[in-house]
């Protein structure tokens, strides 16, 4: 058995996952998606999508949205502890450079314990965020960060739902779950 790069040679020193993790956490990480989400996983995905919309709508007027791959990279580099959620959005584009950026951003977010979601339906994302800059230029919504307001830590029930979904997805080895924002 390997523990932090060292080999344990005697059985009396072997450690199981249940010795390391509390029993309930270990059970949750072994659950199937249906067990964590109830009987209808599509209802759960819709609930998370609605919660994500609520998070974005409440974060926008507070100035807690950073949009754009380059702007997000600068923000992540400057203050990763302030980022509560990272959204990576595409509509099935085959842009290799964008996929490289996504891979680097995902790695950084995983390293810094930042929740990540892959979002489909960029048109809907643009509607929610008002997808146009003040000069009439379209915003780059391929990467969107949600940060904490500077005044205090953000306590939002919708954000708690999204965070819980991300945590449960990681337990199921789905590090970057995909959410489809439904058309309204």
C-alpha atoms as a PDB file:
ATOM      1  CA  UNK A   1       0.000   0.000   0.000  1.00  0.00           C
ATOM      2  CA  UNK A   2       1.254   3.471  -0.840  1.00  0.00           C
ATOM      3  CA  UNK A   3       0.615   6.395   1.495  1.00  0.00           C
ATOM      4  CA  UNK A   4       2.076   9.779   0.504  1.00  0.00           C
ATOM      5  CA  UNK A   5       4.767   8.119  -1.622  1.00  0.00           C
ATOM      6  CA  UNK A   6       5.890   5.645   1.081  1.00  0.00           C
ATOM      7  CA  UNK A   7       5.300   1.928   1.116  1.00  0.00           C
ATOM      8  CA  UNK A   8       3.832   0.363   4.242  1.00  0.00           C
ATOM      9  CA  UNK A   9       5.392  -3.047   4.627  1.00  0.00           C
ATOM     10  CA  UNK A  10       3.733  -4.477   7.729  1.00  0.00           C
ATOM     11  CA  UNK A  11       0.023  -5.228   7.910  1.00  0.00           C
ATOM     12  CA  UNK A  12      -0.342  -3.717  11.376  1.00  0.00           C
ATOM     13  CA  UNK A  13       0.436  -0.282   9.883  1.00  0.00           C
ATOM     14  CA  UNK A  14      -1.827  -0.515   6.847  1.00  0.00           C
ATOM     15  CA  UNK A  15      -4.479   2.168   6.598  1.00  0.00           C
ATOM     16  CA  UNK A  16      -7.805   1.803   4.853  1.00  0.00           C
ATOM     17  CA  UNK A  17      -9.837   4.615   3.338  1.00  0.00           C
ATOM     18  CA  UNK A  18     -12.387   4.231   6.123  1.00  0.00           C
ATOM     19  CA  UNK A  19      -9.664   4.882   8.713  1.00  0.00           C
ATOM     20  CA  UNK A  20      -8.771   8.128   6.976  1.00  0.00           C
ATOM     21  CA  UNK A  21     -12.220   9.426   6.048  1.00  0.00           C
ATOM     22  CA  UNK A  22     -15.253   9.567   8.292  1.00  0.00           C
ATOM     23  CA  UNK A  23     -17.622   6.718   7.452  1.00  0.00           C
ATOM     24  CA  UNK A  24     -20.387   8.930   6.023  1.00  0.00           C
ATOM     25  CA  UNK A  25     -18.034  10.802   3.715  1.00  0.00           C
ATOM     26  CA  UNK A  26     -16.655   7.520   2.399  1.00  0.00           C
ATOM     27  CA  UNK A  27     -20.221   6.276   1.825  1.00  0.00           C
ATOM     28  CA  UNK A  28     -21.206   9.470  -0.015  1.00  0.00           C
ATOM     29  CA  UNK A  29     -18.206   9.159  -2.330  1.00  0.00           C
ATOM     30  CA  UNK A  30     -19.226   5.596  -3.191  1.00  0.00           C
ATOM     31  CA  UNK A  31     -22.821   6.495  -4.017  1.00  0.00           C
ATOM     32  CA  UNK A  32     -24.158   6.465  -7.530  1.00  0.00           C
ATOM     33  CA  UNK A  33     -25.495   9.653  -9.080  1.00  0.00           C
ATOM     34  CA  UNK A  34     -29.054   8.356  -8.657  1.00  0.00           C
ATOM     35  CA  UNK A  35     -28.439   7.802  -4.925  1.00  0.00           C
ATOM     36  CA  UNK A  36     -27.148  11.347  -4.425  1.00  0.00           C
ATOM     37  CA  UNK A  37     -29.708  12.983  -6.673  1.00  0.00           C
ATOM     38  CA  UNK A  38     -32.876  11.098  -5.895  1.00  0.00           C
ATOM     39  CA  UNK A  39     -34.897   9.113  -8.375  1.00  0.00           C
ATOM     40  CA  UNK A  40     -34.860  11.571 -11.256  1.00  0.00           C
ATOM     41  CA  UNK A  41     -31.396  12.896 -12.121  1.00  0.00           C
ATOM     42  CA  UNK A  42     -32.771  15.125 -14.905  1.00  0.00           C
ATOM     43  CA  UNK A  43     -34.865  16.966 -12.282  1.00  0.00           C
ATOM     44  CA  UNK A  44     -31.719  17.385 -10.204  1.00  0.00           C
ATOM     45  CA  UNK A  45     -29.790  18.792 -13.176  1.00  0.00           C
ATOM     46  CA  UNK A  46     -32.622  21.251 -13.853  1.00  0.00           C
ATOM     47  CA  UNK A  47     -32.611  22.287 -10.177  1.00  0.00           C
ATOM     48  CA  UNK A  48     -28.864  22.934 -10.339  1.00  0.00           C
ATOM     49  CA  UNK A  49     -29.264  24.897 -13.585  1.00  0.00           C
ATOM     50  CA  UNK A  50     -31.923  27.095 -11.953  1.00  0.00           C
ATOM     51  CA  UNK A  51     -29.694  27.574  -8.897  1.00  0.00           C
ATOM     52  CA  UNK A  52     -26.799  28.528 -11.202  1.00  0.00           C
ATOM     53  CA  UNK A  53     -28.982  31.156 -12.885  1.00  0.00           C
ATOM     54  CA  UNK A  54     -29.880  32.556  -9.447  1.00  0.00           C
ATOM     55  CA  UNK A  55     -26.201  32.701  -8.489  1.00  0.00           C
ATOM     56  CA  UNK A  56     -25.303  34.574 -11.675  1.00  0.00           C
ATOM     57  CA  UNK A  57     -28.232  36.990 -11.361  1.00  0.00           C
ATOM     58  CA  UNK A  58     -27.357  37.864  -7.755  1.00  0.00           C
ATOM     59  CA  UNK A  59     -23.583  38.070  -8.375  1.00  0.00           C
ATOM     60  CA  UNK A  60     -23.844  40.395 -11.377  1.00  0.00           C
ATOM     61  CA  UNK A  61     -25.135  43.537  -9.599  1.00  0.00           C
ATOM     62  CA  UNK A  62     -22.619  42.972  -6.793  1.00  0.00           C
ATOM     63  CA  UNK A  63     -19.721  43.120  -9.263  1.00  0.00           C
ATOM     64  CA  UNK A  64     -18.797  39.512  -8.519  1.00  0.00           C
ATOM     65  CA  UNK A  65     -18.557  38.317 -12.142  1.00  0.00           C
ATOM     66  CA  UNK A  66     -15.345  38.156 -14.152  1.00  0.00           C
ATOM     67  CA  UNK A  67     -15.914  37.230 -17.798  1.00  0.00           C
ATOM     68  CA  UNK A  68     -13.332  36.239 -20.392  1.00  0.00           C
ATOM     69  CA  UNK A  69     -10.516  33.724 -20.517  1.00  0.00           C
ATOM     70  CA  UNK A  70      -7.753  36.321 -20.168  1.00  0.00           C
ATOM     71  CA  UNK A  71      -9.552  38.316 -17.455  1.00  0.00           C
ATOM     72  CA  UNK A  72     -10.325  35.112 -15.543  1.00  0.00           C
ATOM     73  CA  UNK A  73      -6.687  34.016 -15.699  1.00  0.00           C
ATOM     74  CA  UNK A  74      -5.591  37.379 -14.280  1.00  0.00           C
ATOM     75  CA  UNK A  75      -8.175  37.157 -11.491  1.00  0.00           C
ATOM     76  CA  UNK A  76      -7.254  33.556 -10.652  1.00  0.00           C
ATOM     77  CA  UNK A  77      -3.583  34.508 -10.491  1.00  0.00           C
ATOM     78  CA  UNK A  78      -4.203  37.584  -8.323  1.00  0.00           C
ATOM     79  CA  UNK A  79      -6.610  36.128  -5.740  1.00  0.00           C
ATOM     80  CA  UNK A  80      -7.677  32.481  -6.176  1.00  0.00           C
ATOM     81  CA  UNK A  81      -9.089  32.344  -2.623  1.00  0.00           C
ATOM     82  CA  UNK A  82     -11.743  34.885  -3.588  1.00  0.00           C
ATOM     83  CA  UNK A  83     -13.151  32.744  -6.454  1.00  0.00           C
ATOM     84  CA  UNK A  84     -16.142  30.582  -5.475  1.00  0.00           C
ATOM     85  CA  UNK A  85     -17.089  29.182  -8.895  1.00  0.00           C
ATOM     86  CA  UNK A  86     -15.581  28.847 -12.371  1.00  0.00           C
ATOM     87  CA  UNK A  87     -17.786  28.316 -15.425  1.00  0.00           C
ATOM     88  CA  UNK A  88     -16.354  27.080 -18.706  1.00  0.00           C
ATOM     89  CA  UNK A  89     -18.777  27.572 -21.572  1.00  0.00           C
ATOM     90  CA  UNK A  90     -18.843  26.426 -25.172  1.00  0.00           C
ATOM     91  CA  UNK A  91     -21.363  25.426 -27.759  1.00  0.00           C
ATOM     92  CA  UNK A  92     -19.367  22.465 -29.103  1.00  0.00           C
ATOM     93  CA  UNK A  93     -16.624  24.576 -30.616  1.00  0.00           C
ATOM     94  CA  UNK A  94     -13.558  22.741 -31.870  1.00  0.00           C
ATOM     95  CA  UNK A  95     -11.179  25.598 -31.040  1.00  0.00           C
ATOM     96  CA  UNK A  96      -7.938  23.894 -29.975  1.00  0.00           C
ATOM     97  CA  UNK A  97      -6.508  27.036 -28.347  1.00  0.00           C
ATOM     98  CA  UNK A  98      -9.676  27.412 -26.262  1.00  0.00           C
ATOM     99  CA  UNK A  99      -9.487  23.776 -25.166  1.00  0.00           C
ATOM    100  CA  UNK A 100      -5.856  24.310 -24.067  1.00  0.00           C
ATOM    101  CA  UNK A 101      -6.947  27.334 -22.025  1.00  0.00           C
ATOM    102  CA  UNK A 102      -9.751  25.262 -20.488  1.00  0.00           C
ATOM    103  CA  UNK A 103      -7.326  22.496 -19.543  1.00  0.00           C
ATOM    104  CA  UNK A 104      -5.005  24.965 -17.811  1.00  0.00           C
ATOM    105  CA  UNK A 105      -7.872  26.728 -16.015  1.00  0.00           C
ATOM    106  CA  UNK A 106      -9.343  23.387 -14.890  1.00  0.00           C
ATOM    107  CA  UNK A 107      -5.976  22.264 -13.524  1.00  0.00           C
ATOM    108  CA  UNK A 108      -5.532  25.537 -11.643  1.00  0.00           C
ATOM    109  CA  UNK A 109      -9.050  25.355 -10.195  1.00  0.00           C
ATOM    110  CA  UNK A 110      -8.589  21.739  -9.085  1.00  0.00           C
ATOM    111  CA  UNK A 111      -5.264  22.629  -7.460  1.00  0.00           C
ATOM    112  CA  UNK A 112      -6.866  25.558  -5.609  1.00  0.00           C
ATOM    113  CA  UNK A 113     -10.123  23.753  -4.681  1.00  0.00           C
ATOM    114  CA  UNK A 114     -12.316  26.020  -6.820  1.00  0.00           C
ATOM    115  CA  UNK A 115     -15.630  24.552  -7.997  1.00  0.00           C
ATOM    116  CA  UNK A 116     -15.875  24.188 -11.781  1.00  0.00           C
ATOM    117  CA  UNK A 117     -18.865  23.666 -14.052  1.00  0.00           C
ATOM    118  CA  UNK A 118     -18.973  23.213 -17.795  1.00  0.00           C
ATOM    119  CA  UNK A 119     -21.947  25.143 -19.174  1.00  0.00           C
ATOM    120  CA  UNK A 120     -23.687  24.510 -22.459  1.00  0.00           C
ATOM    121  CA  UNK A 121     -26.021  27.024 -24.125  1.00  0.00           C
ATOM    122  CA  UNK A 122     -23.833  30.115 -24.360  1.00  0.00           C
ATOM    123  CA  UNK A 123     -26.741  32.091 -25.796  1.00  0.00           C
ATOM    124  CA  UNK A 124     -28.639  31.636 -22.526  1.00  0.00           C
ATOM    125  CA  UNK A 125     -25.528  32.507 -20.502  1.00  0.00           C
ATOM    126  CA  UNK A 126     -25.217  35.733 -22.523  1.00  0.00           C
ATOM    127  CA  UNK A 127     -28.878  36.549 -21.805  1.00  0.00           C
ATOM    128  CA  UNK A 128     -28.339  36.099 -18.059  1.00  0.00           C
ATOM    129  CA  UNK A 129     -25.147  38.152 -17.962  1.00  0.00           C
ATOM    130  CA  UNK A 130     -26.171  40.779 -20.493  1.00  0.00           C
ATOM    131  CA  UNK A 131     -23.516  39.515 -22.944  1.00  0.00           C
ATOM    132  CA  UNK A 132     -22.501  42.934 -24.344  1.00  0.00           C
ATOM    133  CA  UNK A 133     -19.753  45.231 -23.043  1.00  0.00           C
ATOM    134  CA  UNK A 134     -20.540  48.953 -22.640  1.00  0.00           C
ATOM    135  CA  UNK A 135     -19.037  49.713 -26.087  1.00  0.00           C
ATOM    136  CA  UNK A 136     -21.448  47.315 -27.804  1.00  0.00           C
ATOM    137  CA  UNK A 137     -18.765  44.641 -28.183  1.00  0.00           C
ATOM    138  CA  UNK A 138     -19.821  41.056 -27.284  1.00  0.00           C
ATOM    139  CA  UNK A 139     -18.333  39.694 -24.056  1.00  0.00           C
ATOM    140  CA  UNK A 140     -16.081  36.654 -24.010  1.00  0.00           C
ATOM    141  CA  UNK A 141     -18.172  34.236 -21.962  1.00  0.00           C
ATOM    142  CA  UNK A 142     -16.004  31.158 -22.488  1.00  0.00           C
ATOM    143  CA  UNK A 143     -14.776  31.493 -18.906  1.00  0.00           C
ATOM    144  CA  UNK A 144     -16.812  33.170 -16.170  1.00  0.00           C
ATOM    145  CA  UNK A 145     -15.703  33.454 -12.542  1.00  0.00           C
ATOM    146  CA  UNK A 146     -17.976  34.152  -9.609  1.00  0.00           C
ATOM    147  CA  UNK A 147     -16.152  35.787  -6.711  1.00  0.00           C
ATOM    148  CA  UNK A 148     -17.013  36.738  -3.146  1.00  0.00           C
ATOM    149  CA  UNK A 149     -18.033  40.345  -2.598  1.00  0.00           C
ATOM    150  CA  UNK A 150     -15.260  42.323  -0.918  1.00  0.00           C
ATOM    151  CA  UNK A 151     -17.498  43.352   1.999  1.00  0.00           C
ATOM    152  CA  UNK A 152     -18.246  39.887   3.396  1.00  0.00           C
ATOM    153  CA  UNK A 153     -18.439  36.209   2.605  1.00  0.00           C
ATOM    154  CA  UNK A 154     -21.386  35.465   0.376  1.00  0.00           C
ATOM    155  CA  UNK A 155     -24.122  33.328   1.951  1.00  0.00           C
ATOM    156  CA  UNK A 156     -26.475  32.392  -0.869  1.00  0.00           C
ATOM    157  CA  UNK A 157     -28.703  29.268  -0.791  1.00  0.00           C
ATOM    158  CA  UNK A 158     -28.440  28.925  -4.580  1.00  0.00           C
ATOM    159  CA  UNK A 159     -24.637  29.019  -4.352  1.00  0.00           C
ATOM    160  CA  UNK A 160     -24.807  26.344  -1.646  1.00  0.00           C
ATOM    161  CA  UNK A 161     -26.817  24.097  -4.021  1.00  0.00           C
ATOM    162  CA  UNK A 162     -24.304  24.569  -6.822  1.00  0.00           C
ATOM    163  CA  UNK A 163     -21.362  24.005  -4.453  1.00  0.00           C
ATOM    164  CA  UNK A 164     -22.945  20.814  -3.079  1.00  0.00           C
ATOM    165  CA  UNK A 165     -23.552  19.562  -6.636  1.00  0.00           C
ATOM    166  CA  UNK A 166     -19.895  20.205  -7.544  1.00  0.00           C
ATOM    167  CA  UNK A 167     -18.682  18.419  -4.394  1.00  0.00           C
ATOM    168  CA  UNK A 168     -20.928  15.396  -5.046  1.00  0.00           C
ATOM    169  CA  UNK A 169     -19.766  15.277  -8.667  1.00  0.00           C
ATOM    170  CA  UNK A 170     -16.115  15.184  -7.528  1.00  0.00           C
ATOM    171  CA  UNK A 171     -16.958  12.258  -5.251  1.00  0.00           C
ATOM    172  CA  UNK A 172     -18.251  10.494  -8.357  1.00  0.00           C
ATOM    173  CA  UNK A 173     -14.972  11.301 -10.186  1.00  0.00           C
ATOM    174  CA  UNK A 174     -16.727  13.824 -12.415  1.00  0.00           C
ATOM    175  CA  UNK A 175     -14.477  16.806 -11.755  1.00  0.00           C
ATOM    176  CA  UNK A 176     -16.053  19.110 -14.326  1.00  0.00           C
ATOM    177  CA  UNK A 177     -19.777  18.345 -14.533  1.00  0.00           C
ATOM    178  CA  UNK A 178     -21.793  19.737 -17.437  1.00  0.00           C
ATOM    179  CA  UNK A 179     -24.920  21.831 -16.861  1.00  0.00           C
ATOM    180  CA  UNK A 180     -27.267  22.861 -19.639  1.00  0.00           C
ATOM    181  CA  UNK A 181     -28.874  26.243 -19.031  1.00  0.00           C
ATOM    182  CA  UNK A 182     -32.461  25.792 -20.227  1.00  0.00           C
ATOM    183  CA  UNK A 183     -33.990  28.309 -22.627  1.00  0.00           C
ATOM    184  CA  UNK A 184     -36.630  30.578 -21.147  1.00  0.00           C
END
